[in-house]
Amino acid sequence: MSDTTAPTAASDLARLADLLAGGDPLTWVITGDSITHGLVFTQGGRSYAEHLHELVRGELERVRDIVVNSAISGHRIVDILGDFERRVSSWRPDVVTLMIGTNDLSTGGPQPVVSPEEYAASLREFVARVRALGAIAVLQTPPPIDVANAPERARVAEFADAVRQVAASEDVILVDQYARLIELGAGGIPWGLMGDPFHPNAAGHAALALEIATVLGIRPKPERSRTLPLLEAQVGAARIYS
């Protein structure tokens, strides 16, 4: 940051708008777990990170921007903190987005059970580290889960709320993907947007991309906007199964 004023969600959004309007190239780091990694469950379709890449470097014509996806399947927030230099800081980012929690909230498997409070503390550390780099931090809630078929992940609503609480207390940009997908599912699991009980499919990733683009103000000029209408159509078609 060029001054000593503490960043806020509002100031970060204003700063991002100024950066997008300017000519200097930006570096975006998008990190998280398998959902952000974009493996398998899109069945060859683009992940939300890939859609964001297309929107920024294609339709905004910011061809010198670099968009890095450093997400790793199966990881938790402590894994990202433990590999922060490689996953985040080495890229000298201007914007860092994080979607994590689907594995943190699991009570199955060999890893220790993480409390919502421990998870929130790690999120706060992540935000502090990102801001120490002078970068804009963006937190995303994890998507909803079909708990009947993934009972070990029944705490998803608690962990989504923990992200909201951290975003509020640290005054960080929040993309509430959990709330948006529940809305698209008419108050329940958006079946048409899911590839399995907790991984969004290609249409689900289109919905994630639309939400982050909306919150961050990534809106191409009408004559350049091809991706957003296609994503909206993909999500609309999938909703008939929700």
Protein backbone atom coordinates (compact mmCIF):
# COMPACT_ATOMS: atom_id res chain seq x y z
CA MET A 1 0.00 0.00 0.00
CA SER A 2 1.22 3.47 -0.76
CA ASP A 3 -0.04 4.92 2.53
CA THR A 4 -0.61 3.82 6.10
CA THR A 5 -4.40 3.70 5.91
CA ALA A 6 -5.67 0.25 6.80
CA PRO A 7 -7.40 -1.39 3.83
CA THR A 8 -11.11 -2.16 3.93
CA ALA A 9 -13.38 -4.12 1.65
CA ALA A 10 -14.71 -0.87 0.21
CA SER A 11 -11.26 0.64 -0.32
CA ASP A 12 -10.00 -2.60 -1.87
CA LEU A 13 -12.92 -2.67 -4.32
CA ALA A 14 -12.27 0.96 -5.23
CA ARG A 15 -8.57 0.23 -5.60
CA LEU A 16 -9.29 -2.76 -7.83
CA ALA A 17 -11.57 -0.65 -10.03
CA ASP A 18 -8.77 1.92 -10.41
CA LEU A 19 -6.25 -0.80 -11.22
CA LEU A 20 -8.53 -2.34 -13.83
CA ALA A 21 -9.04 1.07 -15.39
CA GLY A 22 -5.29 1.65 -15.53
CA GLY A 23 -2.69 0.32 -17.89
CA ASP A 24 -0.30 -1.41 -15.49
CA PRO A 25 -0.41 -5.22 -15.65
CA LEU A 26 -1.73 -7.11 -12.64
CA THR A 27 -0.93 -10.51 -11.19
CA TRP A 28 -3.87 -12.50 -9.88
CA VAL A 29 -3.39 -15.53 -7.62
CA ILE A 30 -6.38 -17.82 -7.23
CA THR A 31 -5.87 -20.49 -4.59
CA GLY A 32 -7.79 -23.09 -2.63
CA ASP A 33 -8.58 -26.81 -2.77
CA SER A 34 -9.93 -29.19 -5.46
CA ILE A 35 -12.87 -26.95 -6.32
CA THR A 36 -10.55 -24.13 -7.34
CA HIS A 37 -8.04 -26.64 -8.73
CA GLY A 38 -10.84 -27.55 -11.15
CA LEU A 39 -10.27 -31.28 -11.38
CA VAL A 40 -12.47 -34.00 -12.93
CA PHE A 41 -15.92 -32.79 -11.96
CA THR A 42 -16.21 -30.17 -14.70
CA GLN A 43 -15.94 -33.10 -17.16
CA GLY A 44 -13.76 -31.11 -19.51
CA GLY A 45 -15.54 -27.79 -18.99
CA ARG A 46 -13.80 -24.73 -17.64
CA SER A 47 -13.38 -24.12 -13.93
CA TYR A 48 -14.31 -20.78 -12.40
CA ALA A 49 -10.60 -19.86 -12.28
CA GLU A 50 -10.34 -20.46 -16.02
CA HIS A 51 -13.44 -18.34 -16.64
CA LEU A 52 -11.88 -15.56 -14.56
CA HIS A 53 -8.73 -15.85 -16.69
CA GLU A 54 -10.82 -15.48 -19.85
CA LEU A 55 -12.73 -12.51 -18.49
CA VAL A 56 -9.61 -10.64 -17.37
CA ARG A 57 -7.15 -11.42 -20.15
CA GLY A 58 -9.68 -11.84 -22.94
CA GLU A 59 -12.73 -9.70 -22.57
CA LEU A 60 -11.18 -6.94 -20.49
CA GLU A 61 -8.26 -7.10 -22.95
CA ARG A 62 -5.77 -7.03 -20.09
CA VAL A 63 -3.42 -9.27 -22.06
CA ARG A 64 -0.38 -8.51 -19.88
CA ASP A 65 -2.14 -9.57 -16.69
CA ILE A 66 -1.07 -12.94 -15.28
CA VAL A 67 -3.68 -15.21 -13.68
CA VAL A 68 -2.16 -18.02 -11.59
CA ASN A 69 -4.18 -20.92 -10.16
CA SER A 70 -2.19 -22.38 -7.25
CA ALA A 71 -5.00 -24.48 -5.75
CA ILE A 72 -4.27 -28.09 -4.80
CA SER A 73 -6.85 -30.83 -4.41
CA GLY A 74 -7.32 -32.12 -0.88
CA HIS A 75 -5.71 -29.14 0.82
CA ARG A 76 -6.79 -27.21 3.88
CA ILE A 77 -5.99 -23.65 4.91
CA VAL A 78 -3.02 -24.83 7.00
CA ASP A 79 -1.51 -26.38 3.87
CA ILE A 80 -1.66 -23.05 2.07
CA LEU A 81 -0.17 -21.20 5.05
CA GLY A 82 2.60 -23.78 5.24
CA ASP A 83 3.43 -23.31 1.54
CA PHE A 84 2.56 -19.63 1.35
CA GLU A 85 5.73 -18.52 -0.38
CA ARG A 86 5.22 -20.90 -3.29
CA ARG A 87 1.43 -20.70 -3.43
CA VAL A 88 1.05 -16.93 -3.02
CA SER A 89 3.91 -14.57 -2.25
CA SER A 90 6.43 -15.73 -4.86
CA TRP A 91 4.09 -14.48 -7.58
CA ARG A 92 4.16 -10.91 -6.19
CA PRO A 93 0.36 -10.71 -6.50
CA ASP A 94 -1.87 -7.70 -6.78
CA VAL A 95 -5.06 -9.70 -6.08
CA VAL A 96 -5.37 -12.97 -4.14
CA THR A 97 -8.60 -14.95 -3.97
CA LEU A 98 -9.13 -17.84 -1.57
CA MET A 99 -11.82 -20.53 -1.55
CA ILE A 100 -11.01 -23.11 1.11
CA GLY A 101 -12.91 -25.05 3.73
CA THR A 102 -14.48 -28.10 2.08
CA ASN A 103 -11.67 -30.29 3.47
CA ASP A 104 -11.18 -28.27 6.67
CA LEU A 105 -14.74 -28.95 7.74
CA SER A 106 -14.56 -32.71 7.15
CA THR A 107 -14.73 -34.97 10.20
CA GLY A 108 -13.75 -38.06 8.20
CA GLY A 109 -10.30 -39.36 7.28
CA PRO A 110 -6.97 -39.38 9.09
CA GLN A 111 -6.50 -35.63 9.44
CA PRO A 112 -7.29 -33.91 12.78
CA VAL A 113 -10.75 -32.39 13.09
CA VAL A 114 -10.59 -28.60 12.75
CA SER A 115 -12.94 -26.38 14.74
CA PRO A 116 -14.61 -23.37 13.07
CA GLU A 117 -12.63 -21.16 15.46
CA GLU A 118 -9.29 -22.68 14.37
CA TYR A 119 -10.30 -22.34 10.75
CA ALA A 120 -11.24 -18.69 11.26
CA ALA A 121 -7.92 -17.96 12.98
CA SER A 122 -6.06 -19.41 9.99
CA LEU A 123 -8.16 -17.33 7.61
CA ARG A 124 -7.22 -14.21 9.57
CA GLU A 125 -3.56 -15.12 9.30
CA PHE A 126 -3.96 -15.63 5.55
CA VAL A 127 -5.58 -12.21 5.14
CA ALA A 128 -2.84 -10.56 7.20
CA ARG A 129 -0.13 -12.16 5.08
CA VAL A 130 -1.81 -11.16 1.81
CA ARG A 131 -2.23 -7.58 2.98
CA ALA A 132 1.38 -7.48 4.14
CA LEU A 133 2.30 -8.10 0.49
CA GLY A 134 0.28 -5.02 -0.46
CA ALA A 135 -2.21 -7.21 -2.32
CA ILE A 136 -6.01 -7.16 -2.32
CA ALA A 137 -7.47 -10.13 -0.42
CA VAL A 138 -10.72 -11.77 -1.51
CA LEU A 139 -12.41 -14.47 0.60
CA GLN A 140 -14.97 -16.88 -0.81
CA THR A 141 -17.26 -19.14 1.17
CA PRO A 142 -17.17 -22.83 0.22
CA PRO A 143 -20.08 -24.03 -1.94
CA PRO A 144 -22.96 -25.98 -0.38
CA ILE A 145 -22.73 -29.75 0.11
CA ASP A 146 -25.20 -32.60 -0.29
CA VAL A 147 -24.81 -33.58 3.35
CA ALA A 148 -27.04 -36.67 3.03
CA ASN A 149 -24.40 -38.19 0.76
CA ALA A 150 -21.37 -36.60 2.46
CA PRO A 151 -22.25 -36.69 6.18
CA GLU A 152 -18.62 -36.14 7.17
CA ARG A 153 -18.99 -32.64 5.71
CA ALA A 154 -22.16 -31.72 7.58
CA ARG A 155 -20.55 -28.60 9.10
CA VAL A 156 -20.44 -26.66 5.82
CA ALA A 157 -22.91 -23.97 6.93
CA GLU A 158 -20.84 -23.32 10.10
CA PHE A 159 -17.67 -22.92 8.07
CA ALA A 160 -19.35 -20.68 5.51
CA ASP A 161 -20.48 -18.52 8.41
CA ALA A 162 -16.92 -18.48 9.78
CA VAL A 163 -15.72 -17.02 6.46
CA ARG A 164 -18.42 -14.35 6.67
CA GLN A 165 -17.39 -13.48 10.23
CA VAL A 166 -13.71 -13.17 9.27
CA ALA A 167 -14.59 -11.04 6.25
CA ALA A 168 -16.63 -8.77 8.51
CA SER A 169 -14.09 -8.52 11.33
CA GLU A 170 -11.13 -7.98 8.99
CA ASP A 171 -13.15 -5.86 6.53
CA VAL A 172 -12.23 -8.01 3.55
CA ILE A 173 -13.98 -8.45 0.21
CA LEU A 174 -16.38 -11.39 0.50
CA VAL A 175 -17.79 -13.52 -2.31
CA ASP A 176 -20.52 -15.57 -0.67
CA GLN A 177 -20.61 -18.54 -3.04
CA TYR A 178 -22.47 -20.67 -0.49
CA ALA A 179 -25.36 -18.22 -0.28
CA ARG A 180 -25.47 -17.71 -4.05
CA LEU A 181 -25.62 -21.40 -4.90
CA ILE A 182 -28.27 -22.02 -2.22
CA GLU A 183 -30.24 -19.19 -3.81
CA LEU A 184 -29.86 -20.82 -7.23
CA GLY A 185 -31.07 -24.06 -5.65
CA ALA A 186 -34.24 -22.30 -4.43
CA GLY A 187 -33.14 -22.62 -0.82
CA GLY A 188 -31.57 -26.08 -1.07
CA ILE A 189 -28.82 -27.97 -2.86
CA PRO A 190 -28.55 -26.78 -6.49
CA TRP A 191 -28.58 -30.28 -7.97
CA GLY A 192 -28.10 -29.14 -11.55
CA LEU A 193 -24.90 -27.35 -10.56
CA MET A 194 -23.25 -30.26 -8.71
CA GLY A 195 -20.87 -32.89 -10.07
CA ASP A 196 -20.90 -34.93 -6.84
CA PRO A 197 -21.97 -34.20 -3.24
CA PHE A 198 -19.43 -31.37 -2.82
CA HIS A 199 -17.82 -30.55 -6.18
CA PRO A 200 -19.63 -28.16 -8.54
CA ASN A 201 -19.91 -29.32 -12.15
CA ALA A 202 -19.20 -27.15 -15.20
CA ALA A 203 -22.46 -25.23 -14.75
CA GLY A 204 -21.67 -24.82 -11.06
CA HIS A 205 -18.30 -23.33 -11.95
CA ALA A 206 -20.06 -20.97 -14.34
CA ALA A 207 -22.18 -19.82 -11.39
CA LEU A 208 -19.07 -19.37 -9.22
CA ALA A 209 -17.42 -17.33 -11.97
CA LEU A 210 -20.45 -15.10 -12.40
CA GLU A 211 -20.60 -14.38 -8.68
CA ILE A 212 -16.93 -13.48 -8.28
CA ALA A 213 -17.06 -11.36 -11.44
CA THR A 214 -20.10 -9.52 -10.09
CA VAL A 215 -18.57 -8.83 -6.67
CA LEU A 216 -15.21 -7.72 -8.11
CA GLY A 217 -16.83 -5.55 -10.78
CA ILE A 218 -15.38 -7.47 -13.72
CA ARG A 219 -17.74 -6.39 -16.47
CA PRO A 220 -16.46 -6.19 -20.04
CA LYS A 221 -17.82 -3.61 -22.44
CA PRO A 222 -21.03 -4.86 -24.10
CA GLU A 223 -19.34 -5.26 -27.46
CA ARG A 224 -16.66 -7.45 -25.85
CA SER A 225 -18.93 -9.47 -23.58
CA ARG A 226 -19.33 -12.99 -24.90
CA THR A 227 -18.44 -15.10 -21.90
CA LEU A 228 -20.86 -13.67 -19.33
CA PRO A 229 -24.02 -14.27 -21.42
CA LEU A 230 -22.85 -17.84 -22.12
CA LEU A 231 -22.23 -18.46 -18.42
CA GLU A 232 -25.63 -17.05 -17.52
CA ALA A 233 -27.28 -19.31 -20.11
CA GLN A 234 -25.37 -22.34 -18.80
CA VAL A 235 -26.45 -21.68 -15.23
CA GLY A 236 -30.04 -21.01 -16.28
CA ALA A 237 -30.23 -24.28 -18.19
CA ALA A 238 -28.79 -26.24 -15.26
CA ARG A 239 -31.26 -24.75 -12.77
CA ILE A 240 -34.14 -26.76 -14.25
CA TYR A 241 -32.61 -29.77 -12.48
CA SER A 242 -32.36 -28.00 -9.12
